[in-house]
Amino acid sequence: MSKRIIIIGGGELGDNETLSIDQYIAKSAGIDHPRLLFIPTASFDALGYVEVVEKIYGEQLGCEVSALLLMSESMSHEKAAEAIYSADIIYVGGGSTMHLMKVWKQYGVDELLKEAYNRGIVLSGISAGSICWFEHGHSDSVTYETGTESPFICVEALGILPGVHCPHHNDGRQEDFDRMISEMGKVGIALEDFAAMEVRDDQYRILKSRAEAQALKVWVKDGQVVREPLDNTEVYLPLSALYDNK
């Protein structure tokens, strides 16, 4: 059974900015009309966001779209489990990773998603929905929640993928992400908007909806932060090599 995660650094879903990647996600389950579960926890269950996903993944790409609204008063761990385990693809939306992790832990969704991965359900997401699969993420959660420009924070996430992830890396985040990687001593995976990474079992490759979008490995070598472009869009490479920080 193949295990797969597809993460997107950023881009406006509703404006078709990530369409080629979204098409790939929709086909990744290998069946016609796959059941796609959208989890909008990071956006506080924004119904407008649900409508966008229904339009793109449902009307355009032929998925059977449903949404897991964890902030509903009628939600329970059992209902969340039923929704997650019946999906072929799970897509996690952007917003506040800090809020997302708090609510997921409240309902045990963090553990349900780890089990979904082990069952071969395709995991995917954008921004906060890409951070969530890593050990840690470079996040603007405080800014998102308060509406006031605030420092980036390091958020602890699910840990299915090793290292620290930075989405929207082209959006003025490089310097602070370098600082975070330098302090933590871990390997970082940075994705600009319109860039994505697919992890399939023990291999990975890069996807792009715009040719100029970059994906980068960021790590510390001899006391200096090193940024290495990742350009393997045609072939899969070993995931173990990606996390070798020597």
C-alpha atoms as a PDB file:
ATOM      1  CA  MET A   1       0.000   0.000   0.000  1.00  0.00           C
ATOM      2  CA  SER A   2       1.510   3.300  -1.113  1.00  0.00           C
ATOM      3  CA  LYS A   3       1.605   6.196   1.360  1.00  0.00           C
ATOM      4  CA  ARG A   4       1.472   9.678  -0.086  1.00  0.00           C
ATOM      5  CA  ILE A   5       1.536  13.314   1.044  1.00  0.00           C
ATOM      6  CA  ILE A   6       1.307  16.247  -1.376  1.00  0.00           C
ATOM      7  CA  ILE A   7       1.997  19.697   0.081  1.00  0.00           C
ATOM      8  CA  ILE A   8       1.608  23.083  -1.623  1.00  0.00           C
ATOM      9  CA  GLY A   9       3.544  26.201  -0.566  1.00  0.00           C
ATOM     10  CA  GLY A  10       0.822  28.657  -1.522  1.00  0.00           C
ATOM     11  CA  GLY A  11      -1.320  30.183  -4.245  1.00  0.00           C
ATOM     12  CA  GLU A  12      -4.986  31.085  -4.667  1.00  0.00           C
ATOM     13  CA  LEU A  13      -6.965  27.899  -5.178  1.00  0.00           C
ATOM     14  CA  GLY A  14     -10.060  29.769  -6.351  1.00  0.00           C
ATOM     15  CA  ASP A  15      -8.103  31.625  -9.043  1.00  0.00           C
ATOM     16  CA  ASN A  16      -6.696  28.357 -10.457  1.00  0.00           C
ATOM     17  CA  GLU A  17      -3.167  29.392  -9.479  1.00  0.00           C
ATOM     18  CA  THR A  18      -2.356  25.860  -8.324  1.00  0.00           C
ATOM     19  CA  LEU A  19      -4.605  24.067 -10.814  1.00  0.00           C
ATOM     20  CA  SER A  20      -2.041  21.658 -12.283  1.00  0.00           C
ATOM     21  CA  ILE A  21      -1.101  20.547  -8.768  1.00  0.00           C
ATOM     22  CA  ASP A  22      -4.761  20.257  -7.784  1.00  0.00           C
ATOM     23  CA  GLN A  23      -5.383  18.112 -10.861  1.00  0.00           C
ATOM     24  CA  TYR A  24      -2.559  15.843  -9.760  1.00  0.00           C
ATOM     25  CA  ILE A  25      -3.989  15.570  -6.250  1.00  0.00           C
ATOM     26  CA  ALA A  26      -7.430  14.714  -7.635  1.00  0.00           C
ATOM     27  CA  LYS A  27      -5.912  11.910  -9.727  1.00  0.00           C
ATOM     28  CA  SER A  28      -3.649  10.637  -6.953  1.00  0.00           C
ATOM     29  CA  ALA A  29      -6.179   8.214  -5.503  1.00  0.00           C
ATOM     30  CA  GLY A  30      -6.211   6.360  -8.812  1.00  0.00           C
ATOM     31  CA  ILE A  31     -10.006   6.189  -9.103  1.00  0.00           C
ATOM     32  CA  ASP A  32     -12.738   8.157 -10.834  1.00  0.00           C
ATOM     33  CA  HIS A  33     -14.624  10.625  -8.641  1.00  0.00           C
ATOM     34  CA  PRO A  34     -12.577  10.111  -5.471  1.00  0.00           C
ATOM     35  CA  ARG A  35     -14.035  11.163  -2.134  1.00  0.00           C
ATOM     36  CA  LEU A  36     -12.130  14.277  -1.061  1.00  0.00           C
ATOM     37  CA  LEU A  37     -12.487  15.439   2.525  1.00  0.00           C
ATOM     38  CA  PHE A  38     -11.689  19.116   3.017  1.00  0.00           C
ATOM     39  CA  ILE A  39     -10.568  20.134   6.523  1.00  0.00           C
ATOM     40  CA  PRO A  40     -10.813  23.939   6.961  1.00  0.00           C
ATOM     41  CA  THR A  41      -9.912  24.077  10.665  1.00  0.00           C
ATOM     42  CA  ALA A  42      -7.053  26.544  10.121  1.00  0.00           C
ATOM     43  CA  SER A  43      -9.487  29.093   8.661  1.00  0.00           C
ATOM     44  CA  PHE A  44     -11.920  28.603  11.562  1.00  0.00           C
ATOM     45  CA  ASP A  45     -14.193  26.520   9.309  1.00  0.00           C
ATOM     46  CA  ALA A  46     -14.738  29.394   6.850  1.00  0.00           C
ATOM     47  CA  LEU A  47     -17.734  28.395   4.731  1.00  0.00           C
ATOM     48  CA  GLY A  48     -16.555  30.533   1.828  1.00  0.00           C
ATOM     49  CA  TYR A  49     -13.413  28.417   1.705  1.00  0.00           C
ATOM     50  CA  VAL A  50     -15.538  25.266   1.602  1.00  0.00           C
ATOM     51  CA  GLU A  51     -17.409  26.687  -1.388  1.00  0.00           C
ATOM     52  CA  VAL A  52     -14.142  27.338  -3.233  1.00  0.00           C
ATOM     53  CA  VAL A  53     -12.956  23.765  -2.672  1.00  0.00           C
ATOM     54  CA  GLU A  54     -16.328  22.425  -3.812  1.00  0.00           C
ATOM     55  CA  LYS A  55     -16.060  24.520  -6.979  1.00  0.00           C
ATOM     56  CA  ILE A  56     -12.481  23.535  -7.872  1.00  0.00           C
ATOM     57  CA  TYR A  57     -12.213  19.968  -6.630  1.00  0.00           C
ATOM     58  CA  GLY A  58     -15.873  19.129  -7.061  1.00  0.00           C
ATOM     59  CA  GLU A  59     -17.202  20.898 -10.154  1.00  0.00           C
ATOM     60  CA  GLN A  60     -13.910  21.211 -12.068  1.00  0.00           C
ATOM     61  CA  LEU A  61     -11.980  18.115 -11.029  1.00  0.00           C
ATOM     62  CA  GLY A  62     -14.766  15.612 -10.428  1.00  0.00           C
ATOM     63  CA  CYS A  63     -14.212  14.765  -6.770  1.00  0.00           C
ATOM     64  CA  GLU A  64     -17.011  14.020  -4.324  1.00  0.00           C
ATOM     65  CA  VAL A  65     -16.276  16.808  -1.852  1.00  0.00           C
ATOM     66  CA  SER A  66     -17.287  16.892   1.801  1.00  0.00           C
ATOM     67  CA  ALA A  67     -16.017  19.075   4.649  1.00  0.00           C
ATOM     68  CA  LEU A  68     -15.057  18.223   8.217  1.00  0.00           C
ATOM     69  CA  LEU A  69     -16.257  21.190  10.295  1.00  0.00           C
ATOM     70  CA  LEU A  70     -14.650  20.569  13.665  1.00  0.00           C
ATOM     71  CA  MET A  71     -15.965  23.766  15.235  1.00  0.00           C
ATOM     72  CA  SER A  72     -19.550  22.578  14.895  1.00  0.00           C
ATOM     73  CA  GLU A  73     -21.341  21.942  18.192  1.00  0.00           C
ATOM     74  CA  SER A  74     -22.419  18.533  16.932  1.00  0.00           C
ATOM     75  CA  MET A  75     -18.894  17.342  16.169  1.00  0.00           C
ATOM     76  CA  SER A  76     -17.418  14.358  17.995  1.00  0.00           C
ATOM     77  CA  HIS A  77     -14.352  12.145  17.757  1.00  0.00           C
ATOM     78  CA  GLU A  78     -16.503   9.368  16.306  1.00  0.00           C
ATOM     79  CA  LYS A  79     -17.925  11.596  13.557  1.00  0.00           C
ATOM     80  CA  ALA A  80     -14.447  12.866  12.709  1.00  0.00           C
ATOM     81  CA  ALA A  81     -13.119   9.315  12.473  1.00  0.00           C
ATOM     82  CA  GLU A  82     -15.948   8.246  10.179  1.00  0.00           C
ATOM     83  CA  ALA A  83     -15.351  11.198   7.846  1.00  0.00           C
ATOM     84  CA  ILE A  84     -11.565  10.749   7.748  1.00  0.00           C
ATOM     85  CA  TYR A  85     -11.497   6.987   7.243  1.00  0.00           C
ATOM     86  CA  SER A  86     -14.105   7.100   4.465  1.00  0.00           C
ATOM     87  CA  ALA A  87     -12.066   9.572   2.385  1.00  0.00           C
ATOM     88  CA  ASP A  88      -9.802   8.730  -0.549  1.00  0.00           C
ATOM     89  CA  ILE A  89      -8.050  12.123  -0.350  1.00  0.00           C
ATOM     90  CA  ILE A  90      -7.751  14.589   2.522  1.00  0.00           C
ATOM     91  CA  TYR A  91      -7.036  18.255   1.721  1.00  0.00           C
ATOM     92  CA  VAL A  92      -6.209  20.630   4.593  1.00  0.00           C
ATOM     93  CA  GLY A  93      -6.711  24.347   3.985  1.00  0.00           C
ATOM     94  CA  GLY A  94      -4.632  27.362   4.968  1.00  0.00           C
ATOM     95  CA  GLY A  95      -4.946  29.717   7.927  1.00  0.00           C
ATOM     96  CA  SER A  96      -3.635  29.391  11.476  1.00  0.00           C
ATOM     97  CA  THR A  97      -1.581  26.251  12.078  1.00  0.00           C
ATOM     98  CA  MET A  98      -1.610  27.046  15.805  1.00  0.00           C
ATOM     99  CA  HIS A  99      -5.432  26.973  15.881  1.00  0.00           C
ATOM    100  CA  LEU A 100      -5.540  23.896  13.660  1.00  0.00           C
ATOM    101  CA  MET A 101      -3.318  21.837  15.954  1.00  0.00           C
ATOM    102  CA  LYS A 102      -5.204  22.942  19.067  1.00  0.00           C
ATOM    103  CA  VAL A 103      -8.580  21.865  17.682  1.00  0.00           C
ATOM    104  CA  TRP A 104      -7.240  18.660  16.155  1.00  0.00           C
ATOM    105  CA  LYS A 105      -5.856  17.570  19.500  1.00  0.00           C
ATOM    106  CA  GLN A 106      -9.187  18.391  21.148  1.00  0.00           C
ATOM    107  CA  TYR A 107     -10.980  15.848  18.937  1.00  0.00           C
ATOM    108  CA  GLY A 108      -8.093  13.418  18.492  1.00  0.00           C
ATOM    109  CA  VAL A 109      -7.921  14.284  14.803  1.00  0.00           C
ATOM    110  CA  ASP A 110      -4.122  14.402  14.988  1.00  0.00           C
ATOM    111  CA  GLU A 111      -4.014  10.671  15.687  1.00  0.00           C
ATOM    112  CA  LEU A 112      -6.794   9.926  13.187  1.00  0.00           C
ATOM    113  CA  LEU A 113      -4.785  11.582  10.415  1.00  0.00           C
ATOM    114  CA  LYS A 114      -1.664   9.590  11.282  1.00  0.00           C
ATOM    115  CA  GLU A 115      -3.742   6.429  10.990  1.00  0.00           C
ATOM    116  CA  ALA A 116      -5.227   7.681   7.698  1.00  0.00           C
ATOM    117  CA  TYR A 117      -1.679   7.964   6.366  1.00  0.00           C
ATOM    118  CA  ASN A 118      -0.937   4.384   7.438  1.00  0.00           C
ATOM    119  CA  ARG A 119      -4.110   3.261   5.656  1.00  0.00           C
ATOM    120  CA  GLY A 120      -2.946   4.774   2.367  1.00  0.00           C
ATOM    121  CA  ILE A 121      -5.379   7.680   2.272  1.00  0.00           C
ATOM    122  CA  VAL A 122      -3.759  10.491   0.260  1.00  0.00           C
ATOM    123  CA  LEU A 123      -2.892  13.473   2.473  1.00  0.00           C
ATOM    124  CA  SER A 124      -2.554  16.962   1.006  1.00  0.00           C
ATOM    125  CA  GLY A 125      -2.874  20.633   1.833  1.00  0.00           C
ATOM    126  CA  ILE A 126      -1.684  24.175   1.364  1.00  0.00           C
ATOM    127  CA  SER A 127       0.082  26.650   3.690  1.00  0.00           C
ATOM    128  CA  ALA A 128      -1.042  25.659   7.206  1.00  0.00           C
ATOM    129  CA  GLY A 129      -2.288  22.526   5.466  1.00  0.00           C
ATOM    130  CA  SER A 130       1.266  21.796   4.342  1.00  0.00           C
ATOM    131  CA  ILE A 131       2.936  22.662   7.654  1.00  0.00           C
ATOM    132  CA  CYS A 132       0.701  20.277   9.586  1.00  0.00           C
ATOM    133  CA  TRP A 133       2.330  17.110   8.239  1.00  0.00           C
ATOM    134  CA  PHE A 134       5.858  18.022   9.430  1.00  0.00           C
ATOM    135  CA  GLU A 135       7.491  17.959  12.856  1.00  0.00           C
ATOM    136  CA  HIS A 136       7.505  21.751  13.007  1.00  0.00           C
ATOM    137  CA  GLY A 137       6.458  24.695  10.889  1.00  0.00           C
ATOM    138  CA  HIS A 138       7.400  28.322  10.311  1.00  0.00           C
ATOM    139  CA  SER A 139       4.052  29.994  10.880  1.00  0.00           C
ATOM    140  CA  ASP A 140       2.329  33.378  10.784  1.00  0.00           C
ATOM    141  CA  SER A 141      -0.485  32.061  13.004  1.00  0.00           C
ATOM    142  CA  VAL A 142      -0.405  35.018  15.408  1.00  0.00           C
ATOM    143  CA  THR A 143      -0.701  37.505  12.557  1.00  0.00           C
ATOM    144  CA  TYR A 144      -3.537  35.468  11.037  1.00  0.00           C
ATOM    145  CA  GLU A 145      -5.492  35.249  14.272  1.00  0.00           C
ATOM    146  CA  THR A 146      -4.994  38.821  15.498  1.00  0.00           C
ATOM    147  CA  GLY A 147      -4.944  40.709  12.219  1.00  0.00           C
ATOM    148  CA  THR A 148      -1.857  42.543  13.509  1.00  0.00           C
ATOM    149  CA  GLU A 149       1.602  42.057  12.008  1.00  0.00           C
ATOM    150  CA  SER A 150       3.379  39.788  14.495  1.00  0.00           C
ATOM    151  CA  PRO A 151       6.597  37.722  14.566  1.00  0.00           C
ATOM    152  CA  PHE A 152       6.657  34.301  12.939  1.00  0.00           C
ATOM    153  CA  ILE A 153       6.485  31.400  15.362  1.00  0.00           C
ATOM    154  CA  CYS A 154       7.571  27.766  15.373  1.00  0.00           C
ATOM    155  CA  VAL A 155       4.542  25.477  15.587  1.00  0.00           C
ATOM    156  CA  GLU A 156       4.744  21.829  16.577  1.00  0.00           C
ATOM    157  CA  ALA A 157       2.823  19.702  14.074  1.00  0.00           C
ATOM    158  CA  LEU A 158       2.005  16.032  13.389  1.00  0.00           C
ATOM    159  CA  GLY A 159       5.507  14.771  12.668  1.00  0.00           C
ATOM    160  CA  ILE A 160       4.642  12.411   9.842  1.00  0.00           C
ATOM    161  CA  LEU A 161       7.380  14.115   7.817  1.00  0.00           C
ATOM    162  CA  PRO A 162      10.707  15.052   9.433  1.00  0.00           C
ATOM    163  CA  GLY A 163      12.051  18.562   9.762  1.00  0.00           C
ATOM    164  CA  VAL A 164      10.705  22.097   9.627  1.00  0.00           C
ATOM    165  CA  HIS A 165       8.494  23.412   6.828  1.00  0.00           C
ATOM    166  CA  CYS A 166       8.107  26.956   5.546  1.00  0.00           C
ATOM    167  CA  PRO A 167       5.332  27.703   3.028  1.00  0.00           C
ATOM    168  CA  HIS A 168       5.092  31.048   1.154  1.00  0.00           C
ATOM    169  CA  HIS A 169       8.893  31.217   1.261  1.00  0.00           C
ATOM    170  CA  ASN A 170       8.899  33.980  -1.373  1.00  0.00           C
ATOM    171  CA  ASP A 171       6.762  36.194   0.868  1.00  0.00           C
ATOM    172  CA  GLY A 172       9.451  37.841   3.011  1.00  0.00           C
ATOM    173  CA  ARG A 173      10.082  34.751   5.132  1.00  0.00           C
ATOM    174  CA  GLN A 174      13.556  33.704   4.070  1.00  0.00           C
ATOM    175  CA  GLU A 175      15.578  35.595   6.690  1.00  0.00           C
ATOM    176  CA  ASP A 176      13.433  34.490   9.615  1.00  0.00           C
ATOM    177  CA  PHE A 177      13.283  30.897   8.385  1.00  0.00           C
ATOM    178  CA  ASP A 178      17.089  30.882   8.107  1.00  0.00           C
ATOM    179  CA  ARG A 179      17.221  32.046  11.728  1.00  0.00           C
ATOM    180  CA  MET A 180      14.839  29.314  12.834  1.00  0.00           C
ATOM    181  CA  ILE A 181      16.798  26.594  11.034  1.00  0.00           C
ATOM    182  CA  SER A 182      20.055  27.916  12.474  1.00  0.00           C
ATOM    183  CA  GLU A 183      18.658  27.802  16.009  1.00  0.00           C
ATOM    184  CA  MET A 184      16.972  24.397  15.678  1.00  0.00           C
ATOM    185  CA  GLY A 185      19.696  22.630  13.704  1.00  0.00           C
ATOM    186  CA  LYS A 186      17.100  20.692  11.705  1.00  0.00           C
ATOM    187  CA  VAL A 187      16.605  20.337   7.970  1.00  0.00           C
ATOM    188  CA  GLY A 188      14.048  22.771   6.575  1.00  0.00           C
ATOM    189  CA  ILE A 189      11.851  22.340   3.511  1.00  0.00           C
ATOM    190  CA  ALA A 190      10.840  25.685   2.011  1.00  0.00           C
ATOM    191  CA  LEU A 191       8.221  26.027  -0.714  1.00  0.00           C
ATOM    192  CA  GLU A 192       7.400  29.204  -2.561  1.00  0.00           C
ATOM    193  CA  ASP A 193       3.871  29.857  -3.792  1.00  0.00           C
ATOM    194  CA  PHE A 194       3.026  27.652  -6.805  1.00  0.00           C
ATOM    195  CA  ALA A 195       5.563  25.000  -5.719  1.00  0.00           C
ATOM    196  CA  ALA A 196       4.683  21.665  -4.125  1.00  0.00           C
ATOM    197  CA  MET A 197       6.361  18.521  -2.899  1.00  0.00           C
ATOM    198  CA  GLU A 198       5.057  14.981  -3.171  1.00  0.00           C
ATOM    199  CA  VAL A 199       6.307  12.378  -0.730  1.00  0.00           C
ATOM    200  CA  ARG A 200       5.536   8.858  -1.886  1.00  0.00           C
ATOM    201  CA  ASP A 201       6.642   6.169   0.542  1.00  0.00           C
ATOM    202  CA  ASP A 202      10.385   6.758   0.956  1.00  0.00           C
ATOM    203  CA  GLN A 203      10.832   9.013  -2.091  1.00  0.00           C
ATOM    204  CA  TYR A 204       9.961  12.584  -3.049  1.00  0.00           C
ATOM    205  CA  ARG A 205       9.699  14.911  -6.014  1.00  0.00           C
ATOM    206  CA  ILE A 206       8.801  18.533  -6.719  1.00  0.00           C
ATOM    207  CA  LEU A 207       5.661  19.768  -8.489  1.00  0.00           C
ATOM    208  CA  LYS A 208       5.085  23.267  -9.865  1.00  0.00           C
ATOM    209  CA  SER A 209       2.134  25.182 -11.256  1.00  0.00           C
ATOM    210  CA  ARG A 210       4.520  27.937 -12.384  1.00  0.00           C
ATOM    211  CA  ALA A 211       7.969  27.133 -13.738  1.00  0.00           C
ATOM    212  CA  GLU A 212       9.752  29.870 -11.776  1.00  0.00           C
ATOM    213  CA  ALA A 213       8.474  28.724  -8.374  1.00  0.00           C
ATOM    214  CA  GLN A 214      11.190  27.345  -6.118  1.00  0.00           C
ATOM    215  CA  ALA A 215      11.474  24.536  -3.608  1.00  0.00           C
ATOM    216  CA  LEU A 216      14.484  24.544  -1.296  1.00  0.00           C
ATOM    217  CA  LYS A 217      16.271  22.436   1.267  1.00  0.00           C
ATOM    218  CA  VAL A 218      17.611  24.672   4.053  1.00  0.00           C
ATOM    219  CA  TRP A 219      20.121  23.439   6.621  1.00  0.00           C
ATOM    220  CA  VAL A 220      23.210  24.383   8.597  1.00  0.00           C
ATOM    221  CA  LYS A 221      26.666  23.352   7.401  1.00  0.00           C
ATOM    222  CA  ASP A 222      29.870  24.460   9.096  1.00  0.00           C
ATOM    223  CA  GLY A 223      27.937  27.055  11.058  1.00  0.00           C
ATOM    224  CA  GLN A 224      26.347  28.612   7.967  1.00  0.00           C
ATOM    225  CA  VAL A 225      22.808  28.324   6.619  1.00  0.00           C
ATOM    226  CA  VAL A 226      22.785  26.623   3.213  1.00  0.00           C
ATOM    227  CA  ARG A 227      19.895  26.826   0.738  1.00  0.00           C
ATOM    228  CA  GLU A 228      19.814  24.142  -1.936  1.00  0.00           C
ATOM    229  CA  PRO A 229      17.234  24.320  -4.762  1.00  0.00           C
ATOM    230  CA  LEU A 230      15.216  21.150  -5.283  1.00  0.00           C
ATOM    231  CA  ASP A 231      14.523  20.638  -8.975  1.00  0.00           C
ATOM    232  CA  ASN A 232      13.643  16.966  -9.359  1.00  0.00           C
ATOM    233  CA  THR A 233      10.279  17.504 -11.049  1.00  0.00           C
ATOM    234  CA  GLU A 234      10.655  14.516 -13.391  1.00  0.00           C
ATOM    235  CA  VAL A 235      12.101  11.849 -11.106  1.00  0.00           C
ATOM    236  CA  TYR A 236      11.662  10.679  -7.537  1.00  0.00           C
ATOM    237  CA  LEU A 237      14.699  10.833  -5.259  1.00  0.00           C
ATOM    238  CA  PRO A 238      15.299   9.115  -1.898  1.00  0.00           C
ATOM    239  CA  LEU A 239      13.713  10.955   1.020  1.00  0.00           C
ATOM    240  CA  SER A 240      16.634   9.932   3.226  1.00  0.00           C
ATOM    241  CA  ALA A 241      19.024  11.991   1.079  1.00  0.00           C
ATOM    242  CA  LEU A 242      16.814  15.037   1.479  1.00  0.00           C
ATOM    243  CA  TYR A 243      17.225  14.884   5.246  1.00  0.00           C
ATOM    244  CA  ASP A 244      20.956  14.284   5.203  1.00  0.00           C
ATOM    245  CA  ASN A 245      22.278  17.591   6.544  1.00  0.00           C
ATOM    246  CA  LYS A 246      25.975  16.854   6.132  1.00  0.00           C
END
